[in-house]
């Protein structure tokens, strides 16, 4: 049975979500994986690995959420999705 064709809206939404999840994954596990190397450098008196784990990654997550929100609003506007409909 052939698969139904995915609309351009959902194709872009899936691509955006996948790329932002990849950024999230690299940030989350990259800091942990390279913590010893990052701790060789200091930032505001704290080891850089500690600073990223405690402060920096949180702000990166917040940036991901803000970027996703703005990008989805523009995708909704391009594909003329009424507010609150979510592309359905």
Protein backbone atom coordinates (compact mmCIF):
# COMPACT_ATOMS: atom_id res chain seq x y z
CA UNK A 1 0.00 0.00 0.00
CA UNK A 2 1.55 3.36 -1.02
CA UNK A 3 2.29 5.93 1.62
CA UNK A 4 0.30 9.18 1.41
CA UNK A 5 2.35 12.19 0.37
CA UNK A 6 3.40 14.45 3.24
CA UNK A 7 2.38 18.08 2.86
CA UNK A 8 5.13 20.71 2.58
CA UNK A 9 4.02 22.17 5.90
CA UNK A 10 4.62 18.93 7.77
CA UNK A 11 7.82 18.21 5.88
CA UNK A 12 9.25 21.56 6.99
CA UNK A 13 7.92 21.09 10.52
CA UNK A 14 9.56 17.68 10.82
CA UNK A 15 12.84 18.98 9.40
CA UNK A 16 12.86 21.91 11.85
CA UNK A 17 12.01 19.69 14.80
CA UNK A 18 14.67 17.13 13.86
CA UNK A 19 17.39 19.74 13.41
CA UNK A 20 16.57 21.42 16.74
CA UNK A 21 16.54 18.04 18.48
CA UNK A 22 20.00 17.40 17.04
CA UNK A 23 21.20 20.75 18.44
CA UNK A 24 19.64 19.86 21.81
CA UNK A 25 21.36 16.45 21.79
CA UNK A 26 24.77 17.91 20.94
CA UNK A 27 24.44 20.57 23.64
CA UNK A 28 23.25 18.13 26.29
CA UNK A 29 25.70 15.33 25.73
CA UNK A 30 28.55 17.38 24.27
CA UNK A 31 28.99 19.35 27.48
CA UNK A 32 28.99 16.16 29.55
CA UNK A 33 31.33 14.34 27.17
CA UNK A 34 33.85 17.20 27.01
CA UNK A 35 33.47 18.37 30.63
CA UNK A 36 37.05 17.57 31.63
CA UNK A 37 38.48 19.40 28.64
CA UNK A 38 36.14 22.35 29.20
CA UNK A 39 37.09 22.55 32.87
CA UNK A 40 40.64 23.50 31.90
CA UNK A 41 39.29 26.96 31.06
CA UNK A 42 37.72 29.39 33.53
CA UNK A 43 34.79 31.69 32.95
CA UNK A 44 33.92 34.25 35.65
CA UNK A 45 35.92 32.24 38.16
CA UNK A 46 34.16 28.94 37.43
CA UNK A 47 35.41 26.03 35.37
CA UNK A 48 33.89 26.33 31.89
CA UNK A 49 32.33 22.84 32.00
CA UNK A 50 30.54 23.70 35.25
CA UNK A 51 29.43 27.06 33.90
CA UNK A 52 27.98 25.50 30.74
CA UNK A 53 26.21 22.77 32.70
CA UNK A 54 24.78 25.19 35.27
CA UNK A 55 24.01 28.29 33.17
CA UNK A 56 24.96 28.19 29.53
CA UNK A 57 23.05 25.15 28.37
CA UNK A 58 19.88 26.42 30.03
CA UNK A 59 20.03 29.62 27.98
CA UNK A 60 20.72 27.60 24.84
CA UNK A 61 17.57 25.53 25.54
CA UNK A 62 15.61 28.72 26.00
CA UNK A 63 16.98 29.97 22.69
CA UNK A 64 15.91 26.74 20.98
CA UNK A 65 12.35 27.17 22.28
CA UNK A 66 12.17 30.82 21.20
CA UNK A 67 13.59 30.00 17.75
CA UNK A 68 11.14 27.12 17.31
CA UNK A 69 8.21 29.33 18.29
CA UNK A 70 9.13 32.10 15.86
CA UNK A 71 9.92 29.70 13.05
CA UNK A 72 6.63 27.84 13.48
CA UNK A 73 4.71 31.12 13.47
CA UNK A 74 6.33 32.04 10.17
CA UNK A 75 5.62 28.58 8.74
CA UNK A 76 1.99 28.90 9.81
CA UNK A 77 1.78 32.31 8.12
CA UNK A 78 3.34 31.01 4.89
CA UNK A 79 1.02 28.01 4.76
CA UNK A 80 -1.99 30.11 5.90
CA UNK A 81 -2.79 28.04 8.94
CA UNK A 82 -5.28 29.81 11.23
CA UNK A 83 -4.02 30.60 14.70
CA UNK A 84 -4.47 27.64 17.04
CA UNK A 85 -5.04 25.10 14.24
CA UNK A 86 -1.49 23.70 14.13
CA UNK A 87 -1.50 22.80 10.44
CA UNK A 88 -4.30 20.25 10.57
